[in-house]
Amino acid sequence: MTRFGLFFQASEAPGRSHAERFAEMLDLIALGDELGFDVAWLAEIHFGGAFSLLSSPLMAVPTIAQRTRRIRIGTAVVLLPLHHPLSCAEQAATADLLSGGRLEFGVGRGSIPSQFHGFRVPVAENRARFDEALDIIRLAWTRERFSYRGKFYQVEDLAVVPKPVQRPHPPIRVAVHTAESFAHIGDKGLPIYSGTTTTPLPQLRECMALYRERLAAGGHPWQRDQMALMLPVHLGDSGAAARDAMRPGVLQYYQNLRTIFAQIPASYGDHLPRLRSIEETIANLPFEKFCRDQAVFGDVAEVVDRLQAARDEFGLSQIICWFDQGSRLPRAEVERAMRRFADQVMPKLA
């Protein structure tokens, strides 16, 4: 059975306070709960309000739970290399407890240079830090007391509380967007989360073949909830109308990305190739290619066909919709698209 998610990045918007942007996100999640969406996923981005205000998604989990009845709340994703794993284990367990066991613990190693520059964590250490942190968090949740000795973190005979409501722990899902990450997490046998904004469909085909190969080699069976995919989605009265409505938002998305990359001091250096690539994309936006390889903008029939094809090809257990990429749509238009998706698309894909 296919599950359906909502993705939120909550970037700054002209004339809107940060509080108003959070309030709008909470309203849309409450609507998603009423409409039957299964999970609301919240990004974690630091030092880049133009791109996202969600620097601490775990803090939002209990508030969302109070506003809703059944929708689960996921992190997309907690950037483990930037957190101390003991503190992260405590916060996530508290979020699970206060939400009545509705946390979906999405984690990743991160790749945006401004975040590593800000926290003074070397990007080169992100995979090793991620692996150690995830091991510690799982031990903290499942052992009464434990010890751990790694390169970055040492734990000696600690009891971490509270324990999460969900047993043995909240579902863990790892974000992947490079071939290296698909292979590494396939070796571990963990469920994954990917997004077409970072891994376009042609690249995803290659990466998923590698992931399945490494799962099998490691003796990990394909599980019912193995793969979740986030895609920018918009429904219009016609395919052309849907694509026209989203063109400003797609351009704004890349402009927001450029803003956070351009704010890193040139002395950092590692970000400059990606910054140049983003600037080239903005100068000559390949919108038709984006619509083909990274987004699902269309009328109901087109959206159903494309999502059904993606679900069947990649074995998706969850389709996560980003309904307002770039935050350029009027609020009423976002709500209309969500309602139309729930009424006319979800029943055909369930």
Protein backbone atom coordinates (compact mmCIF):
# COMPACT_ATOMS: atom_id res chain seq x y z
CA MET A 1 0.00 0.00 0.00
CA THR A 2 1.41 3.38 -1.03
CA ARG A 3 1.78 6.02 1.64
CA PHE A 4 1.71 9.73 0.83
CA GLY A 5 3.84 12.43 2.40
CA LEU A 6 4.12 16.21 2.38
CA PHE A 7 7.48 17.97 2.29
CA PHE A 8 8.09 21.38 3.88
CA GLN A 9 11.15 23.59 3.62
CA ALA A 10 9.55 26.89 4.80
CA SER A 11 11.83 29.42 3.17
CA GLU A 12 11.63 33.11 3.91
CA ALA A 13 9.07 35.03 1.86
CA PRO A 14 8.88 38.78 1.13
CA GLY A 15 6.60 40.64 3.51
CA ARG A 16 6.13 37.61 5.77
CA SER A 17 7.64 37.25 9.23
CA HIS A 18 9.34 34.04 10.26
CA ALA A 19 6.45 33.39 12.66
CA GLU A 20 3.94 33.75 9.83
CA ARG A 21 5.86 31.30 7.67
CA PHE A 22 5.82 28.72 10.50
CA ALA A 23 2.11 29.32 11.10
CA GLU A 24 1.35 28.77 7.43
CA MET A 25 3.30 25.50 7.45
CA LEU A 26 1.40 24.29 10.51
CA ASP A 27 -1.93 25.16 8.84
CA LEU A 28 -0.99 23.20 5.70
CA ILE A 29 0.09 20.18 7.76
CA ALA A 30 -3.23 20.30 9.63
CA LEU A 31 -5.00 20.34 6.25
CA GLY A 32 -2.86 17.41 5.11
CA ASP A 33 -3.94 15.51 8.22
CA GLU A 34 -7.61 16.12 7.35
CA LEU A 35 -7.06 15.08 3.73
CA GLY A 36 -5.46 11.75 4.61
CA PHE A 37 -1.75 12.36 3.95
CA ASP A 38 0.32 9.95 6.01
CA VAL A 39 3.51 11.85 6.91
CA ALA A 40 4.62 15.49 7.09
CA TRP A 41 8.37 15.77 6.45
CA LEU A 42 10.35 18.79 7.70
CA ALA A 43 13.74 19.82 6.34
CA GLU A 44 16.71 20.73 8.50
CA ILE A 45 18.74 23.62 7.05
CA HIS A 46 21.07 25.99 8.94
CA PHE A 47 22.24 29.54 8.24
CA GLY A 48 20.11 30.04 5.13
CA GLY A 49 16.69 31.58 5.69
CA ALA A 50 16.32 32.29 1.98
CA PHE A 51 16.35 28.53 1.49
CA SER A 52 14.71 27.32 4.71
CA LEU A 53 13.82 28.48 8.21
CA LEU A 54 13.70 24.94 9.58
CA SER A 55 16.90 24.77 11.59
CA SER A 56 15.37 22.60 14.34
CA PRO A 57 12.61 20.34 12.96
CA LEU A 58 12.50 18.09 16.04
CA MET A 59 11.22 21.06 18.08
CA ALA A 60 8.23 21.33 15.74
CA VAL A 61 7.16 17.70 16.13
CA PRO A 62 5.16 18.03 19.41
CA THR A 63 3.47 21.24 18.19
CA ILE A 64 2.37 19.53 14.99
CA ALA A 65 1.12 16.54 16.99
CA GLN A 66 -1.06 18.84 19.10
CA ARG A 67 -2.59 20.37 15.94
CA THR A 68 -3.31 17.03 14.23
CA ARG A 69 -4.94 13.67 14.89
CA ARG A 70 -3.09 10.99 12.95
CA ILE A 71 -0.47 12.27 10.52
CA ARG A 72 3.05 11.14 11.34
CA ILE A 73 5.86 13.70 11.52
CA GLY A 74 9.21 13.08 9.88
CA THR A 75 12.56 14.84 9.76
CA ALA A 76 13.99 15.24 6.25
CA VAL A 77 16.55 15.11 7.58
CA VAL A 78 18.36 15.47 10.90
CA LEU A 79 21.97 16.21 9.90
CA LEU A 80 23.77 13.85 12.24
CA PRO A 81 27.35 15.13 11.70
CA LEU A 82 26.26 18.54 13.04
CA HIS A 83 24.77 17.21 16.29
CA HIS A 84 26.16 15.45 19.32
CA PRO A 85 24.52 12.01 19.12
CA LEU A 86 23.61 11.83 22.81
CA SER A 87 21.79 15.15 22.65
CA CYS A 88 20.14 14.12 19.38
CA ALA A 89 18.97 10.82 20.91
CA GLU A 90 17.43 12.68 23.84
CA GLN A 91 15.68 15.27 21.66
CA ALA A 92 14.30 12.76 19.17
CA ALA A 93 13.07 10.44 21.93
CA THR A 94 11.38 13.41 23.63
CA ALA A 95 9.74 14.37 20.32
CA ASP A 96 8.51 10.80 19.89
CA LEU A 97 7.15 10.74 23.44
CA LEU A 98 5.38 14.10 23.19
CA SER A 99 3.89 13.24 19.78
CA GLY A 100 2.43 9.97 21.03
CA GLY A 101 4.83 7.86 19.00
CA ARG A 102 4.39 9.60 15.66
CA LEU A 103 8.03 10.44 14.87
CA GLU A 104 9.65 9.24 11.64
CA PHE A 105 13.39 9.70 12.19
CA GLY A 106 14.92 10.71 8.88
CA VAL A 107 18.67 11.26 9.05
CA GLY A 108 21.46 12.22 6.68
CA ARG A 109 25.06 13.39 6.52
CA GLY A 110 24.39 16.68 4.72
CA SER A 111 26.16 18.31 1.79
CA ILE A 112 25.45 22.07 1.90
CA PRO A 113 28.81 23.74 2.66
CA SER A 114 27.38 26.68 4.65
CA GLN A 115 26.24 24.29 7.38
CA PHE A 116 29.63 22.68 7.82
CA HIS A 117 31.36 26.05 7.61
CA GLY A 118 29.05 27.43 10.30
CA PHE A 119 29.53 24.57 12.73
CA ARG A 120 33.23 24.23 11.87
CA VAL A 121 32.85 20.56 11.00
CA PRO A 122 35.00 19.36 8.07
CA VAL A 123 32.84 18.08 5.21
CA ALA A 124 35.38 15.31 4.69
CA GLU A 125 34.36 13.86 8.08
CA ASN A 126 30.64 13.80 7.43
CA ARG A 127 30.26 10.10 6.56
CA ALA A 128 32.39 8.83 9.44
CA ARG A 129 30.63 11.17 11.89
CA PHE A 130 27.25 10.08 10.52
CA ASP A 131 28.02 6.38 11.01
CA GLU A 132 29.22 6.84 14.58
CA ALA A 133 26.30 9.09 15.51
CA LEU A 134 23.69 6.67 14.16
CA ASP A 135 25.27 3.75 16.01
CA ILE A 136 25.24 5.73 19.28
CA ILE A 137 21.63 6.89 18.86
CA ARG A 138 20.40 3.34 18.27
CA LEU A 139 22.30 2.11 21.31
CA ALA A 140 20.94 4.98 23.41
CA TRP A 141 17.38 4.01 22.49
CA THR A 142 17.68 0.25 22.86
CA ARG A 143 20.11 -0.32 25.77
CA GLU A 144 19.48 0.49 29.39
CA ARG A 145 23.12 1.52 29.72
CA PHE A 146 25.88 1.42 27.13
CA SER A 147 29.44 2.38 26.27
CA TYR A 148 30.95 3.29 22.91
CA ARG A 149 34.42 4.16 21.72
CA GLY A 150 34.79 5.75 18.29
CA LYS A 151 37.05 8.24 16.56
CA PHE A 152 34.79 11.23 17.23
CA TYR A 153 32.62 10.17 20.18
CA GLN A 154 33.25 8.23 23.37
CA VAL A 155 30.51 7.07 25.74
CA GLU A 156 31.18 5.36 29.05
CA ASP A 157 28.42 3.52 30.89
CA LEU A 158 25.56 5.96 30.31
CA ALA A 159 21.78 5.58 30.57
CA VAL A 160 20.10 7.92 28.08
CA VAL A 161 16.53 9.00 28.86
CA PRO A 162 13.78 9.29 27.92
CA LYS A 163 13.34 6.20 25.80
CA PRO A 164 11.14 6.65 22.73
CA VAL A 165 7.54 5.44 22.73
CA GLN A 166 8.01 3.39 19.58
CA ARG A 167 9.85 0.12 20.08
CA PRO A 168 12.57 -0.73 19.52
CA HIS A 169 12.79 2.87 18.27
CA PRO A 170 11.15 5.28 15.78
CA PRO A 171 11.49 4.19 12.13
CA ILE A 172 14.88 5.29 10.77
CA ARG A 173 15.22 6.40 7.15
CA VAL A 174 18.45 7.66 5.60
CA ALA A 175 18.61 10.39 2.97
CA VAL A 176 20.75 9.48 -0.04
CA HIS A 177 21.48 11.40 -3.23
CA THR A 178 24.87 10.21 -4.52
CA ALA A 179 25.91 6.79 -5.82
CA GLU A 180 28.37 6.57 -2.91
CA SER A 181 25.56 7.06 -0.39
CA PHE A 182 23.16 4.61 -2.06
CA ALA A 183 25.90 1.97 -1.94
CA HIS A 184 26.93 2.72 1.66
CA ILE A 185 23.39 2.65 3.04
CA GLY A 186 22.59 -0.43 0.92
CA ASP A 187 25.45 -2.19 2.72
CA LYS A 188 23.78 -1.26 6.02
CA GLY A 189 20.35 -2.47 4.84
CA LEU A 190 18.58 0.69 5.99
CA PRO A 191 15.46 2.21 4.38
CA ILE A 192 16.13 5.29 2.28
CA TYR A 193 14.73 8.69 1.38
CA SER A 194 15.71 10.45 -1.81
CA GLY A 195 14.50 13.49 -3.71
CA THR A 196 14.44 14.34 -7.38
CA THR A 197 15.60 17.90 -6.66
CA THR A 198 19.04 16.43 -5.81
CA THR A 199 18.84 13.09 -7.66
CA PRO A 200 17.03 13.46 -11.01
CA LEU A 201 15.22 10.40 -12.33
CA PRO A 202 17.93 9.27 -14.81
CA GLN A 203 20.52 9.35 -12.01
CA LEU A 204 18.08 7.73 -9.59
CA ARG A 205 17.72 4.73 -11.92
CA GLU A 206 21.45 4.06 -11.76
CA CYS A 207 21.62 4.66 -8.00
CA MET A 208 18.67 2.41 -7.22
CA ALA A 209 20.20 -0.45 -9.21
CA LEU A 210 23.35 -0.03 -7.11
CA TYR A 211 21.33 0.15 -3.87
CA ARG A 212 19.44 -3.06 -4.67
CA GLU A 213 22.69 -4.78 -5.61
CA ARG A 214 24.34 -3.83 -2.31
CA LEU A 215 21.24 -4.77 -0.30
CA ALA A 216 21.25 -8.23 -1.85
CA ALA A 217 25.01 -8.65 -1.40
CA GLY A 218 24.64 -7.84 2.28
CA GLY A 219 21.80 -10.31 2.74
CA HIS A 220 19.24 -7.59 3.39
CA PRO A 221 15.77 -8.40 1.99
CA TRP A 222 13.72 -5.65 0.35
CA GLN A 223 11.29 -4.49 3.03
CA ARG A 224 7.78 -3.13 2.61
CA ASP A 225 8.84 0.40 3.57
CA GLN A 226 12.28 0.45 1.93
CA MET A 227 12.10 3.47 -0.38
CA ALA A 228 10.50 6.93 -0.10
CA LEU A 229 10.86 9.54 -2.82
CA MET A 230 10.19 13.29 -2.67
CA LEU A 231 9.15 15.10 -5.86
CA PRO A 232 7.95 18.65 -6.58
CA VAL A 233 4.28 18.21 -7.50
CA HIS A 234 1.61 20.54 -8.84
CA LEU A 235 -1.83 19.84 -10.29
CA GLY A 236 -3.43 22.18 -12.81
CA ASP A 237 -6.46 22.14 -15.08
CA SER A 238 -4.03 21.25 -17.85
CA GLY A 239 -0.41 20.13 -18.00
CA ALA A 240 0.61 23.44 -19.55
CA ALA A 241 -1.19 25.41 -16.83
CA ALA A 242 0.49 23.39 -14.07
CA ARG A 243 3.94 23.90 -15.55
CA ASP A 244 3.39 27.62 -16.16
CA ALA A 245 2.26 28.07 -12.56
CA MET A 246 5.45 26.43 -11.23
CA ARG A 247 8.06 28.09 -13.45
CA PRO A 248 8.54 31.08 -11.05
CA GLY A 249 8.85 28.73 -8.08
CA VAL A 250 11.46 26.53 -9.72
CA LEU A 251 13.53 29.59 -10.64
CA GLN A 252 13.11 30.93 -7.10
CA TYR A 253 14.32 27.61 -5.70
CA TYR A 254 17.62 27.95 -7.58
CA GLN A 255 17.91 31.63 -6.66
CA ASN A 256 17.45 30.70 -2.99
CA LEU A 257 20.08 28.02 -3.35
CA ARG A 258 22.46 30.54 -4.90
CA THR A 259 21.85 32.91 -1.97
CA ILE A 260 23.02 30.43 0.65
CA PHE A 261 26.02 29.31 -1.41
CA ALA A 262 27.02 32.91 -2.16
CA GLN A 263 27.00 33.82 1.54
CA ILE A 264 29.90 31.47 2.32
CA PRO A 265 33.29 33.23 2.47
CA ALA A 266 35.39 32.60 -0.63
CA SER A 267 38.14 31.39 1.69
CA TYR A 268 36.08 28.24 2.30
CA GLY A 269 36.58 27.30 -1.34
CA ASP A 270 34.90 23.90 -1.52
CA HIS A 271 31.54 25.43 -2.43
CA LEU A 272 32.70 27.44 -5.45
CA PRO A 273 32.20 24.76 -8.17
CA ARG A 274 28.62 24.16 -7.04
CA LEU A 275 27.97 27.90 -6.85
CA ARG A 276 29.10 28.29 -10.47
CA SER A 277 26.83 25.41 -11.52
CA ILE A 278 23.84 26.99 -9.76
CA GLU A 279 24.54 30.35 -11.41
CA GLU A 280 24.66 28.69 -14.84
CA THR A 281 21.32 27.01 -14.15
CA ILE A 282 19.74 30.35 -13.20
CA ALA A 283 21.17 32.10 -16.27
CA ASN A 284 19.64 29.48 -18.56
CA LEU A 285 16.96 27.63 -16.60
CA PRO A 286 16.43 24.19 -18.22
CA PHE A 287 12.78 24.20 -17.19
CA GLU A 288 11.52 21.58 -19.66
CA LYS A 289 14.29 19.19 -18.59
CA PHE A 290 13.46 19.90 -14.94
CA CYS A 291 9.80 19.05 -15.59
CA ARG A 292 10.81 15.80 -17.29
CA ASP A 293 13.50 14.58 -14.89
CA GLN A 294 12.78 16.17 -11.52
CA ALA A 295 9.15 17.30 -11.15
CA VAL A 296 5.61 16.09 -11.67
CA PHE A 297 3.61 19.10 -12.84
CA GLY A 298 0.47 18.24 -14.81
CA ASP A 299 -3.24 17.58 -14.91
CA VAL A 300 -4.69 14.72 -12.86
CA ALA A 301 -4.20 12.05 -15.52
CA GLU A 302 -0.58 13.03 -16.16
CA VAL A 303 0.26 13.17 -12.44
CA VAL A 304 -1.33 9.76 -11.83
CA ASP A 305 0.51 8.18 -14.78
CA ARG A 306 3.91 9.60 -13.86
CA LEU A 307 3.70 8.81 -10.15
CA GLN A 308 2.41 5.31 -10.87
CA ALA A 309 5.35 4.74 -13.21
CA ALA A 310 7.83 5.99 -10.59
CA ARG A 311 6.22 3.91 -7.85
CA ASP A 312 6.40 0.73 -9.92
CA GLU A 313 9.91 1.33 -11.28
CA PHE A 314 11.55 2.21 -7.98
CA GLY A 315 9.42 0.13 -5.61
CA LEU A 316 8.25 3.21 -3.74
CA SER A 317 6.50 2.65 -0.45
CA GLN A 318 5.97 6.38 0.00
CA ILE A 319 5.47 9.27 -2.43
CA ILE A 320 6.34 12.61 -0.81
CA CYS A 321 4.92 15.72 -2.48
CA TRP A 322 6.52 19.16 -2.37
CA PHE A 323 3.51 21.26 -3.32
CA ASP A 324 5.06 24.72 -3.35
CA GLN A 325 8.68 24.51 -4.43
CA GLY A 326 10.13 28.02 -4.24
CA SER A 327 7.14 29.34 -2.23
CA ARG A 328 5.72 31.40 -5.07
CA LEU A 329 2.17 30.01 -5.25
CA PRO A 330 -0.75 31.76 -3.51
CA ARG A 331 -1.80 29.93 -0.36
CA ALA A 332 -5.24 29.13 -1.86
CA GLU A 333 -3.59 27.53 -4.88
CA VAL A 334 -1.45 25.28 -2.69
CA GLU A 335 -4.51 24.16 -0.74
CA ARG A 336 -6.45 23.56 -3.96
CA ALA A 337 -3.65 21.37 -5.34
CA MET A 338 -3.47 19.39 -2.09
CA ARG A 339 -7.23 18.80 -2.09
CA ARG A 340 -7.24 17.75 -5.75
CA PHE A 341 -4.34 15.38 -5.13
CA ALA A 342 -6.10 13.78 -2.15
CA ASP A 343 -9.43 13.48 -3.97
CA GLN A 344 -8.32 12.44 -7.46
CA VAL A 345 -4.76 11.09 -7.33
CA MET A 346 -4.33 9.24 -4.03
CA PRO A 347 -7.28 6.83 -4.57
CA LYS A 348 -5.79 5.74 -7.91
CA LEU A 349 -2.35 5.07 -6.42
CA ALA A 350 -3.32 3.56 -3.07
